[in-house]
PDB file of N, CA and C in Angstrom:
ATOM      1  N   UNK A   1      -8.043  29.782 126.554  1.00  0.00           N
ATOM      2  CA  UNK A   1      -7.519  30.569 125.624  1.00  0.00           C
ATOM      3  C   UNK A   1      -7.946  29.920 124.145  1.00  0.00           C
ATOM      4  N   UNK A   2      -8.092  30.299 123.154  1.00  0.00           N
ATOM      5  CA  UNK A   2      -8.121  29.835 121.714  1.00  0.00           C
ATOM      6  C   UNK A   2      -6.280  30.018 121.414  1.00  0.00           C
ATOM      7  N   UNK A   3      -5.988  28.942 120.216  1.00  0.00           N
ATOM      8  CA  UNK A   3      -5.044  29.020 119.468  1.00  0.00           C
ATOM      9  C   UNK A   3      -4.888  28.810 117.856  1.00  0.00           C
ATOM     10  N   UNK A   4      -4.970  29.355 117.128  1.00  0.00           N
ATOM     11  CA  UNK A   4      -4.391  29.442 115.726  1.00  0.00           C
ATOM     12  C   UNK A   4      -3.141  28.578 115.124  1.00  0.00           C
ATOM     13  N   UNK A   5      -3.779  27.104 114.745  1.00  0.00           N
ATOM     14  CA  UNK A   5      -2.262  26.769 114.515  1.00  0.00           C
ATOM     15  C   UNK A   5      -2.648  26.916 112.962  1.00  0.00           C
ATOM     16  N   UNK A   6      -1.689  27.940 112.396  1.00  0.00           N
ATOM     17  CA  UNK A   6      -1.424  27.938 111.256  1.00  0.00           C
ATOM     18  C   UNK A   6      -0.618  27.071 110.440  1.00  0.00           C
ATOM     19  N   UNK A   7      -0.447  26.071 109.427  1.00  0.00           N
ATOM     20  CA  UNK A   7       0.336  25.526 109.005  1.00  0.00           C
ATOM     21  C   UNK A   7       0.446  25.744 107.713  1.00  0.00           C
ATOM     22  N   UNK A   8       1.703  25.695 106.809  1.00  0.00           N
ATOM     23  CA  UNK A   8       1.717  25.722 105.225  1.00  0.00           C
ATOM     24  C   UNK A   8       2.901  24.551 105.422  1.00  0.00           C
ATOM     25  N   UNK A   9       2.071  23.594 104.636  1.00  0.00           N
ATOM     26  CA  UNK A   9       3.142  22.293 103.428  1.00  0.00           C
ATOM     27  C   UNK A   9       3.875  22.825 102.850  1.00  0.00           C
ATOM     28  N   UNK A  10       4.864  21.929 103.121  1.00  0.00           N
ATOM     29  CA  UNK A  10       6.306  21.647 102.382  1.00  0.00           C
ATOM     30  C   UNK A  10       5.880  21.451 100.704  1.00  0.00           C
ATOM     31  N   UNK A  11       6.458  22.220 100.016  1.00  0.00           N
ATOM     32  CA  UNK A  11       6.049  21.789  98.540  1.00  0.00           C
ATOM     33  C   UNK A  11       5.806  20.323  97.784  1.00  0.00           C
ATOM     34  N   UNK A  12       6.685  19.839  98.543  1.00  0.00           N
ATOM     35  CA  UNK A  12       6.775  18.294  98.393  1.00  0.00           C
ATOM     36  C   UNK A  12       5.322  17.358  99.099  1.00  0.00           C
ATOM     37  N   UNK A  13       4.937  17.751  99.935  1.00  0.00           N
ATOM     38  CA  UNK A  13       3.861  17.391 101.046  1.00  0.00           C
ATOM     39  C   UNK A  13       2.590  16.920 100.699  1.00  0.00           C
ATOM     40  N   UNK A  14       1.833  17.012  99.252  1.00  0.00           N
ATOM     41  CA  UNK A  14       0.514  16.371  99.120  1.00  0.00           C
ATOM     42  C   UNK A  14       0.678  15.073  99.029  1.00  0.00           C
ATOM     43  N   UNK A  15       1.374  14.217  98.621  1.00  0.00           N
ATOM     44  CA  UNK A  15       1.755  12.705  99.062  1.00  0.00           C
ATOM     45  C   UNK A  15       0.947  12.140  99.552  1.00  0.00           C
ATOM     46  N   UNK A  16       1.969  13.041 100.605  1.00  0.00           N
ATOM     47  CA  UNK A  16       2.012  12.130 102.537  1.00  0.00           C
ATOM     48  C   UNK A  16       0.676  13.047 103.063  1.00  0.00           C
ATOM     49  N   UNK A  17       0.575  14.381 102.637  1.00  0.00           N
ATOM     50  CA  UNK A  17      -0.901  14.449 103.525  1.00  0.00           C
ATOM     51  C   UNK A  17      -2.276  13.417 103.118  1.00  0.00           C
ATOM     52  N   UNK A  18      -1.927  13.508 101.369  1.00  0.00           N
ATOM     53  CA  UNK A  18      -3.230  12.413 101.182  1.00  0.00           C
ATOM     54  C   UNK A  18      -3.034  11.168 102.033  1.00  0.00           C
ATOM     55  N   UNK A  19      -1.944  10.303 102.005  1.00  0.00           N
ATOM     56  CA  UNK A  19      -1.425   9.463 103.086  1.00  0.00           C
ATOM     57  C   UNK A  19      -1.934   9.424 104.017  1.00  0.00           C
ATOM     58  N   UNK A  20      -1.939  10.497 105.171  1.00  0.00           N
ATOM     59  CA  UNK A  20      -1.874  10.704 106.320  1.00  0.00           C
ATOM     60  C   UNK A  20      -3.173  11.261 106.842  1.00  0.00           C
ATOM     61  N   UNK A  21      -3.978  11.467 105.685  1.00  0.00           N
ATOM     62  CA  UNK A  21      -5.337  12.208 106.204  1.00  0.00           C
ATOM     63  C   UNK A  21      -6.297  11.532 107.284  1.00  0.00           C
ATOM     64  N   UNK A  22      -6.239  10.185 107.098  1.00  0.00           N
ATOM     65  CA  UNK A  22      -7.276   9.462 107.973  1.00  0.00           C
ATOM     66  C   UNK A  22      -6.792   9.423 109.157  1.00  0.00           C
ATOM     67  N   UNK A  23      -5.705   9.605 109.560  1.00  0.00           N
ATOM     68  CA  UNK A  23      -4.508   9.313 110.966  1.00  0.00           C
ATOM     69  C   UNK A  23      -5.388  11.006 111.283  1.00  0.00           C
ATOM     70  N   UNK A  24      -4.784  11.920 110.256  1.00  0.00           N
ATOM     71  CA  UNK A  24      -4.855  13.372 110.744  1.00  0.00           C
ATOM     72  C   UNK A  24      -7.002  13.886 111.448  1.00  0.00           C
ATOM     73  N   UNK A  25      -7.282  13.078 110.246  1.00  0.00           N
ATOM     74  CA  UNK A  25      -8.872  13.561 110.826  1.00  0.00           C
ATOM     75  C   UNK A  25      -9.145  13.076 112.303  1.00  0.00           C
ATOM     76  N   UNK A  26      -9.007  11.452 112.280  1.00  0.00           N
ATOM     77  CA  UNK A  26      -8.980  11.124 113.742  1.00  0.00           C
ATOM     78  C   UNK A  26      -8.673  11.364 114.875  1.00  0.00           C
ATOM     79  N   UNK A  27      -7.160  12.374 114.679  1.00  0.00           N
ATOM     80  CA  UNK A  27      -6.282  13.037 115.643  1.00  0.00           C
ATOM     81  C   UNK A  27      -7.155  13.689 115.986  1.00  0.00           C
ATOM     82  N   UNK A  28      -7.815  14.781 115.313  1.00  0.00           N
ATOM     83  CA  UNK A  28      -8.836  16.159 115.353  1.00  0.00           C
ATOM     84  C   UNK A  28      -9.387  15.971 116.011  1.00  0.00           C
ATOM     85  N   UNK A  29     -10.377  14.451 115.572  1.00  0.00           N
ATOM     86  CA  UNK A  29     -11.628  14.327 116.058  1.00  0.00           C
ATOM     87  C   UNK A  29     -11.438  13.979 118.067  1.00  0.00           C
ATOM     88  N   UNK A  30      -9.784  12.949 118.078  1.00  0.00           N
ATOM     89  CA  UNK A  30      -9.824  12.934 118.930  1.00  0.00           C
ATOM     90  C   UNK A  30     -10.259  14.268 120.250  1.00  0.00           C
ATOM     91  N   UNK A  31      -9.713  15.216 119.499  1.00  0.00           N
ATOM     92  CA  UNK A  31      -9.279  16.376 121.139  1.00  0.00           C
ATOM     93  C   UNK A  31     -10.786  17.069 121.403  1.00  0.00           C
ATOM     94  N   UNK A  32     -11.970  16.338 120.722  1.00  0.00           N
ATOM     95  CA  UNK A  32     -12.790  16.686 121.471  1.00  0.00           C
ATOM     96  C   UNK A  32     -12.868  17.934 121.485  1.00  0.00           C
ATOM     97  N   UNK A  33     -14.123  18.663 122.498  1.00  0.00           N
ATOM     98  CA  UNK A  33     -14.229  20.125 122.503  1.00  0.00           C
ATOM     99  C   UNK A  33     -13.032  21.011 121.879  1.00  0.00           C
ATOM    100  N   UNK A  34     -11.627  20.356 122.620  1.00  0.00           N
ATOM    101  CA  UNK A  34     -10.518  21.765 122.369  1.00  0.00           C
ATOM    102  C   UNK A  34     -10.696  21.667 120.824  1.00  0.00           C
ATOM    103  N   UNK A  35     -10.699  21.020 120.075  1.00  0.00           N
ATOM    104  CA  UNK A  35     -11.278  21.673 118.688  1.00  0.00           C
ATOM    105  C   UNK A  35     -11.398  22.540 118.505  1.00  0.00           C
ATOM    106  N   UNK A  36     -12.011  23.128 117.935  1.00  0.00           N
ATOM    107  CA  UNK A  36     -13.186  25.109 117.929  1.00  0.00           C
ATOM    108  C   UNK A  36     -13.789  24.632 116.158  1.00  0.00           C
ATOM    109  N   UNK A  37     -12.563  24.641 115.231  1.00  0.00           N
ATOM    110  CA  UNK A  37     -12.729  24.033 113.908  1.00  0.00           C
ATOM    111  C   UNK A  37     -11.501  24.055 113.216  1.00  0.00           C
ATOM    112  N   UNK A  38     -11.470  23.273 112.306  1.00  0.00           N
ATOM    113  CA  UNK A  38     -10.298  23.627 111.296  1.00  0.00           C
ATOM    114  C   UNK A  38     -10.487  23.235 109.678  1.00  0.00           C
ATOM    115  N   UNK A  39      -9.694  23.018 109.043  1.00  0.00           N
ATOM    116  CA  UNK A  39      -9.684  22.980 107.585  1.00  0.00           C
ATOM    117  C   UNK A  39      -8.991  23.250 107.404  1.00  0.00           C
ATOM    118  N   UNK A  40      -8.437  22.664 105.346  1.00  0.00           N
ATOM    119  CA  UNK A  40      -7.397  22.858 105.052  1.00  0.00           C
ATOM    120  C   UNK A  40      -7.341  23.856 103.820  1.00  0.00           C
ATOM    121  N   UNK A  41      -5.915  24.442 103.609  1.00  0.00           N
ATOM    122  CA  UNK A  41      -6.018  26.005 102.844  1.00  0.00           C
ATOM    123  C   UNK A  41      -5.763  25.188 101.688  1.00  0.00           C
ATOM    124  N   UNK A  42      -6.345  25.317  99.953  1.00  0.00           N
ATOM    125  CA  UNK A  42      -5.607  25.080  99.150  1.00  0.00           C
ATOM    126  C   UNK A  42      -5.146  26.260  98.149  1.00  0.00           C
ATOM    127  N   UNK A  43      -5.126  25.489  97.267  1.00  0.00           N
ATOM    128  CA  UNK A  43      -4.796  26.407  96.341  1.00  0.00           C
ATOM    129  C   UNK A  43      -6.007  27.237  95.598  1.00  0.00           C
ATOM    130  N   UNK A  44      -5.328  28.097  94.453  1.00  0.00           N
ATOM    131  CA  UNK A  44      -6.755  28.778  93.655  1.00  0.00           C
ATOM    132  C   UNK A  44      -7.766  28.014  93.206  1.00  0.00           C
ATOM    133  N   UNK A  45      -7.571  27.006  92.940  1.00  0.00           N
ATOM    134  CA  UNK A  45      -8.671  25.514  92.627  1.00  0.00           C
ATOM    135  C   UNK A  45      -9.542  25.699  93.747  1.00  0.00           C
ATOM    136  N   UNK A  46      -8.879  25.269  95.389  1.00  0.00           N
ATOM    137  CA  UNK A  46     -10.154  25.205  95.476  1.00  0.00           C
ATOM    138  C   UNK A  46     -10.198  23.913  96.515  1.00  0.00           C
ATOM    139  N   UNK A  47      -9.612  23.109  95.485  1.00  0.00           N
ATOM    140  CA  UNK A  47      -9.750  21.127  95.646  1.00  0.00           C
ATOM    141  C   UNK A  47      -8.380  21.345  96.246  1.00  0.00           C
ATOM    142  N   UNK A  48      -7.029  21.073  95.978  1.00  0.00           N
ATOM    143  CA  UNK A  48      -5.947  20.429  95.831  1.00  0.00           C
ATOM    144  C   UNK A  48      -5.365  21.629  97.594  1.00  0.00           C
ATOM    145  N   UNK A  49      -4.978  20.345  98.570  1.00  0.00           N
ATOM    146  CA  UNK A  49      -4.674  21.156 100.030  1.00  0.00           C
ATOM    147  C   UNK A  49      -3.430  22.011 100.052  1.00  0.00           C
ATOM    148  N   UNK A  50      -2.649  22.800 100.614  1.00  0.00           N
ATOM    149  CA  UNK A  50      -1.305  22.952 100.320  1.00  0.00           C
ATOM    150  C   UNK A  50      -1.290  23.509 102.185  1.00  0.00           C
ATOM    151  N   UNK A  51      -2.189  23.539 102.873  1.00  0.00           N
ATOM    152  CA  UNK A  51      -1.818  23.342 104.446  1.00  0.00           C
ATOM    153  C   UNK A  51      -3.334  23.534 105.318  1.00  0.00           C
ATOM    154  N   UNK A  52      -3.500  23.858 106.636  1.00  0.00           N
ATOM    155  CA  UNK A  52      -4.227  23.337 107.398  1.00  0.00           C
ATOM    156  C   UNK A  52      -4.424  24.787 108.520  1.00  0.00           C
ATOM    157  N   UNK A  53      -5.330  25.208 108.651  1.00  0.00           N
ATOM    158  CA  UNK A  53      -5.821  26.231 110.086  1.00  0.00           C
ATOM    159  C   UNK A  53      -6.116  25.750 110.364  1.00  0.00           C
ATOM    160  N   UNK A  54      -5.917  25.196 112.195  1.00  0.00           N
ATOM    161  CA  UNK A  54      -6.901  24.609 113.525  1.00  0.00           C
ATOM    162  C   UNK A  54      -6.828  25.465 114.510  1.00  0.00           C
ATOM    163  N   UNK A  55      -8.113  26.178 114.606  1.00  0.00           N
ATOM    164  CA  UNK A  55      -8.079  26.650 116.278  1.00  0.00           C
ATOM    165  C   UNK A  55      -8.862  25.588 116.958  1.00  0.00           C
ATOM    166  N   UNK A  56      -7.730  25.500 118.078  1.00  0.00           N
ATOM    167  CA  UNK A  56      -8.341  25.013 119.505  1.00  0.00           C
ATOM    168  C   UNK A  56      -7.727  25.591 121.265  1.00  0.00           C
ATOM    169  N   UNK A  57      -8.561  25.240 121.569  1.00  0.00           N
ATOM    170  CA  UNK A  57      -8.745  25.823 123.210  1.00  0.00           C
ATOM    171  C   UNK A  57      -7.411  24.962 123.909  1.00  0.00           C
ATOM    172  N   UNK A  58      -6.839  25.782 124.442  1.00  0.00           N
ATOM    173  CA  UNK A  58      -5.467  25.239 125.003  1.00  0.00           C
ATOM    174  C   UNK A  58      -5.103  26.287 126.217  1.00  0.00           C
ATOM    175  N   UNK A  59      -4.683  25.731 127.516  1.00  0.00           N
ATOM    176  CA  UNK A  59      -4.132  26.412 128.878  1.00  0.00           C
ATOM    177  C   UNK A  59      -2.742  27.508 128.499  1.00  0.00           C
ATOM    178  N   UNK A  60      -2.170  26.982 127.712  1.00  0.00           N
ATOM    179  CA  UNK A  60      -0.647  27.420 127.598  1.00  0.00           C
ATOM    180  C   UNK A  60      -0.477  27.737 126.090  1.00  0.00           C
ATOM    181  N   UNK A  61       0.964  28.334 125.998  1.00  0.00           N
ATOM    182  CA  UNK A  61       0.935  27.943 124.425  1.00  0.00           C
ATOM    183  C   UNK A  61       2.077  26.546 124.336  1.00  0.00           C
ATOM    184  N   UNK A  62       2.282  26.370 125.367  1.00  0.00           N
ATOM    185  CA  UNK A  62       2.764  24.855 125.291  1.00  0.00           C
ATOM    186  C   UNK A  62       2.460  23.783 124.994  1.00  0.00           C
ATOM    187  N   UNK A  63       0.714  23.757 125.886  1.00  0.00           N
ATOM    188  CA  UNK A  63      -0.452  23.234 125.233  1.00  0.00           C
ATOM    189  C   UNK A  63      -0.991  22.758 123.756  1.00  0.00           C
ATOM    190  N   UNK A  64      -0.785  24.120 123.167  1.00  0.00           N
ATOM    191  CA  UNK A  64      -1.374  24.816 121.634  1.00  0.00           C
ATOM    192  C   UNK A  64      -0.077  23.756 120.786  1.00  0.00           C
ATOM    193  N   UNK A  65       1.539  23.836 121.688  1.00  0.00           N
ATOM    194  CA  UNK A  65       2.336  23.559 120.565  1.00  0.00           C
ATOM    195  C   UNK A  65       1.925  21.999 120.686  1.00  0.00           C
ATOM    196  N   UNK A  66       1.564  21.072 122.069  1.00  0.00           N
ATOM    197  CA  UNK A  66       1.795  19.858 121.846  1.00  0.00           C
ATOM    198  C   UNK A  66       0.907  19.230 121.128  1.00  0.00           C
ATOM    199  N   UNK A  67      -0.722  20.254 120.855  1.00  0.00           N
ATOM    200  CA  UNK A  67      -1.491  19.151 120.537  1.00  0.00           C
ATOM    201  C   UNK A  67      -0.768  19.643 118.425  1.00  0.00           C
ATOM    202  N   UNK A  68      -0.393  20.705 118.553  1.00  0.00           N
ATOM    203  CA  UNK A  68       0.411  20.789 116.817  1.00  0.00           C
ATOM    204  C   UNK A  68       1.541  19.517 116.434  1.00  0.00           C
ATOM    205  N   UNK A  69       2.240  19.311 118.004  1.00  0.00           N
ATOM    206  CA  UNK A  69       3.515  18.573 117.530  1.00  0.00           C
ATOM    207  C   UNK A  69       2.984  16.787 117.584  1.00  0.00           C
ATOM    208  N   UNK A  70       1.477  16.553 118.217  1.00  0.00           N
ATOM    209  CA  UNK A  70       0.816  15.788 118.002  1.00  0.00           C
ATOM    210  C   UNK A  70      -0.059  14.789 117.114  1.00  0.00           C
ATOM    211  N   UNK A  71       0.059  16.022 115.820  1.00  0.00           N
ATOM    212  CA  UNK A  71      -0.464  15.791 114.702  1.00  0.00           C
ATOM    213  C   UNK A  71       0.002  14.945 113.494  1.00  0.00           C
ATOM    214  N   UNK A  72      -0.626  14.376 113.366  1.00  0.00           N
ATOM    215  CA  UNK A  72       0.285  13.032 112.059  1.00  0.00           C
ATOM    216  C   UNK A  72       0.645  13.787 111.546  1.00  0.00           C
ATOM    217  N   UNK A  73       0.215  14.726 110.482  1.00  0.00           N
ATOM    218  CA  UNK A  73       0.684  15.387 109.762  1.00  0.00           C
ATOM    219  C   UNK A  73       2.283  15.555 109.495  1.00  0.00           C
ATOM    220  N   UNK A  74       2.230  16.726 111.181  1.00  0.00           N
ATOM    221  CA  UNK A  74       3.509  17.215 111.761  1.00  0.00           C
ATOM    222  C   UNK A  74       4.537  16.132 111.985  1.00  0.00           C
ATOM    223  N   UNK A  75       4.041  15.337 112.477  1.00  0.00           N
ATOM    224  CA  UNK A  75       5.184  13.711 112.940  1.00  0.00           C
ATOM    225  C   UNK A  75       5.711  13.579 111.790  1.00  0.00           C
ATOM    226  N   UNK A  76       4.783  13.513 110.135  1.00  0.00           N
ATOM    227  CA  UNK A  76       5.667  12.870 108.853  1.00  0.00           C
ATOM    228  C   UNK A  76       5.995  13.603 108.190  1.00  0.00           C
ATOM    229  N   UNK A  77       5.870  14.903 109.002  1.00  0.00           N
ATOM    230  CA  UNK A  77       6.900  16.117 107.956  1.00  0.00           C
ATOM    231  C   UNK A  77       6.422  16.577 106.679  1.00  0.00           C
ATOM    232  N   UNK A  78       4.384  16.720 106.669  1.00  0.00           N
ATOM    233  CA  UNK A  78       4.156  17.684 105.647  1.00  0.00           C
ATOM    234  C   UNK A  78       4.065  18.745 106.168  1.00  0.00           C
ATOM    235  N   UNK A  79       4.694  19.515 107.312  1.00  0.00           N
ATOM    236  CA  UNK A  79       4.580  21.309 106.764  1.00  0.00           C
ATOM    237  C   UNK A  79       6.026  21.536 106.632  1.00  0.00           C
ATOM    238  N   UNK A  80       5.969  22.693 105.988  1.00  0.00           N
ATOM    239  CA  UNK A  80       6.975  23.320 106.087  1.00  0.00           C
ATOM    240  C   UNK A  80       6.978  24.134 107.436  1.00  0.00           C
ATOM    241  N   UNK A  81       6.035  24.979 108.336  1.00  0.00           N
ATOM    242  CA  UNK A  81       5.592  25.765 108.748  1.00  0.00           C
ATOM    243  C   UNK A  81       4.795  25.745 109.944  1.00  0.00           C
ATOM    244  N   UNK A  82       4.882  25.689 111.225  1.00  0.00           N
ATOM    245  CA  UNK A  82       3.270  25.440 111.974  1.00  0.00           C
ATOM    246  C   UNK A  82       4.117  27.057 112.652  1.00  0.00           C
ATOM    247  N   UNK A  83       2.752  28.017 112.712  1.00  0.00           N
ATOM    248  CA  UNK A  83       2.984  28.971 113.374  1.00  0.00           C
ATOM    249  C   UNK A  83       1.670  29.245 114.434  1.00  0.00           C
ATOM    250  N   UNK A  84       2.072  29.243 115.110  1.00  0.00           N
ATOM    251  CA  UNK A  84       0.972  29.029 117.065  1.00  0.00           C
ATOM    252  C   UNK A  84       0.362  30.601 117.193  1.00  0.00           C
ATOM    253  N   UNK A  85      -0.620  31.476 117.201  1.00  0.00           N
ATOM    254  CA  UNK A  85      -0.653  32.401 117.633  1.00  0.00           C
ATOM    255  C   UNK A  85      -1.902  32.379 118.604  1.00  0.00           C
ATOM    256  N   UNK A  86      -2.263  33.437 119.640  1.00  0.00           N
ATOM    257  CA  UNK A  86      -3.134  33.363 120.726  1.00  0.00           C
ATOM    258  C   UNK A  86      -4.428  34.030 119.437  1.00  0.00           C
ATOM    259  N   UNK A  87      -5.567  33.184 119.931  1.00  0.00           N
ATOM    260  CA  UNK A  87      -6.639  34.348 118.983  1.00  0.00           C
ATOM    261  C   UNK A  87      -8.286  34.409 119.676  1.00  0.00           C
ATOM    262  N   UNK A  88      -8.449  35.389 119.744  1.00  0.00           N
ATOM    263  CA  UNK A  88      -9.621  36.194 119.818  1.00  0.00           C
ATOM    264  C   UNK A  88     -11.100  35.873 119.213  1.00  0.00           C
ATOM    265  N   UNK A  89     -12.159  35.087 119.231  1.00  0.00           N
ATOM    266  CA  UNK A  89     -13.080  34.609 118.323  1.00  0.00           C
ATOM    267  C   UNK A  89     -13.846  35.819 118.452  1.00  0.00           C
ATOM    268  N   UNK A  90     -14.188  36.648 118.158  1.00  0.00           N
ATOM    269  CA  UNK A  90     -14.917  37.944 117.984  1.00  0.00           C
ATOM    270  C   UNK A  90     -16.068  37.781 117.670  1.00  0.00           C
ATOM    271  N   UNK A  91     -16.284  37.574 115.691  1.00  0.00           N
ATOM    272  CA  UNK A  91     -17.489  37.822 115.241  1.00  0.00           C
ATOM    273  C   UNK A  91     -18.243  36.274 115.353  1.00  0.00           C
ATOM    274  N   UNK A  92     -19.121  36.064 115.276  1.00  0.00           N
ATOM    275  CA  UNK A  92     -19.962  34.201 114.887  1.00  0.00           C
ATOM    276  C   UNK A  92     -19.408  33.446 115.905  1.00  0.00           C
ATOM    277  N   UNK A  93     -18.533  34.203 116.831  1.00  0.00           N
ATOM    278  CA  UNK A  93     -18.236  32.354 117.995  1.00  0.00           C
ATOM    279  C   UNK A  93     -20.039  32.061 118.445  1.00  0.00           C
ATOM    280  N   UNK A  94     -20.192  30.445 118.409  1.00  0.00           N
ATOM    281  CA  UNK A  94     -21.655  30.312 119.260  1.00  0.00           C
ATOM    282  C   UNK A  94     -21.529  30.340 120.523  1.00  0.00           C
ATOM    283  N   UNK A  95     -20.468  30.569 121.530  1.00  0.00           N
ATOM    284  CA  UNK A  95     -20.166  30.578 122.500  1.00  0.00           C
ATOM    285  C   UNK A  95     -20.893  32.333 122.624  1.00  0.00           C
ATOM    286  N   UNK A  96     -21.383  32.640 122.330  1.00  0.00           N
ATOM    287  CA  UNK A  96     -21.574  33.942 122.468  1.00  0.00           C
ATOM    288  C   UNK A  96     -22.947  34.405 121.992  1.00  0.00           C
ATOM    289  N   UNK A  97     -23.644  33.521 121.776  1.00  0.00           N
ATOM    290  CA  UNK A  97     -25.174  33.347 121.179  1.00  0.00           C
ATOM    291  C   UNK A  97     -25.612  34.029 122.763  1.00  0.00           C
TER     292      UNK A  97
END
């Protein structure tokens, strides 16, 4: 089952985000095939990062929560909120071609 991790940064999270970004990217890469896609939300300038969207495949909500909790951004306190929602990839799903 797919889960969308919708992460919103704390207002003062950008310096920590920048510092921990290499660890965050390495963590996401370590998820292998469980990671479907990921990327930052940005402010209107299209550059300043202020959150993350991560879609993972997991057996349960608890497993998806464990993935979210293992993220170096989460451990460092970058996020104000992390919403985890089951998600169905309907349009442009590469597994459905």
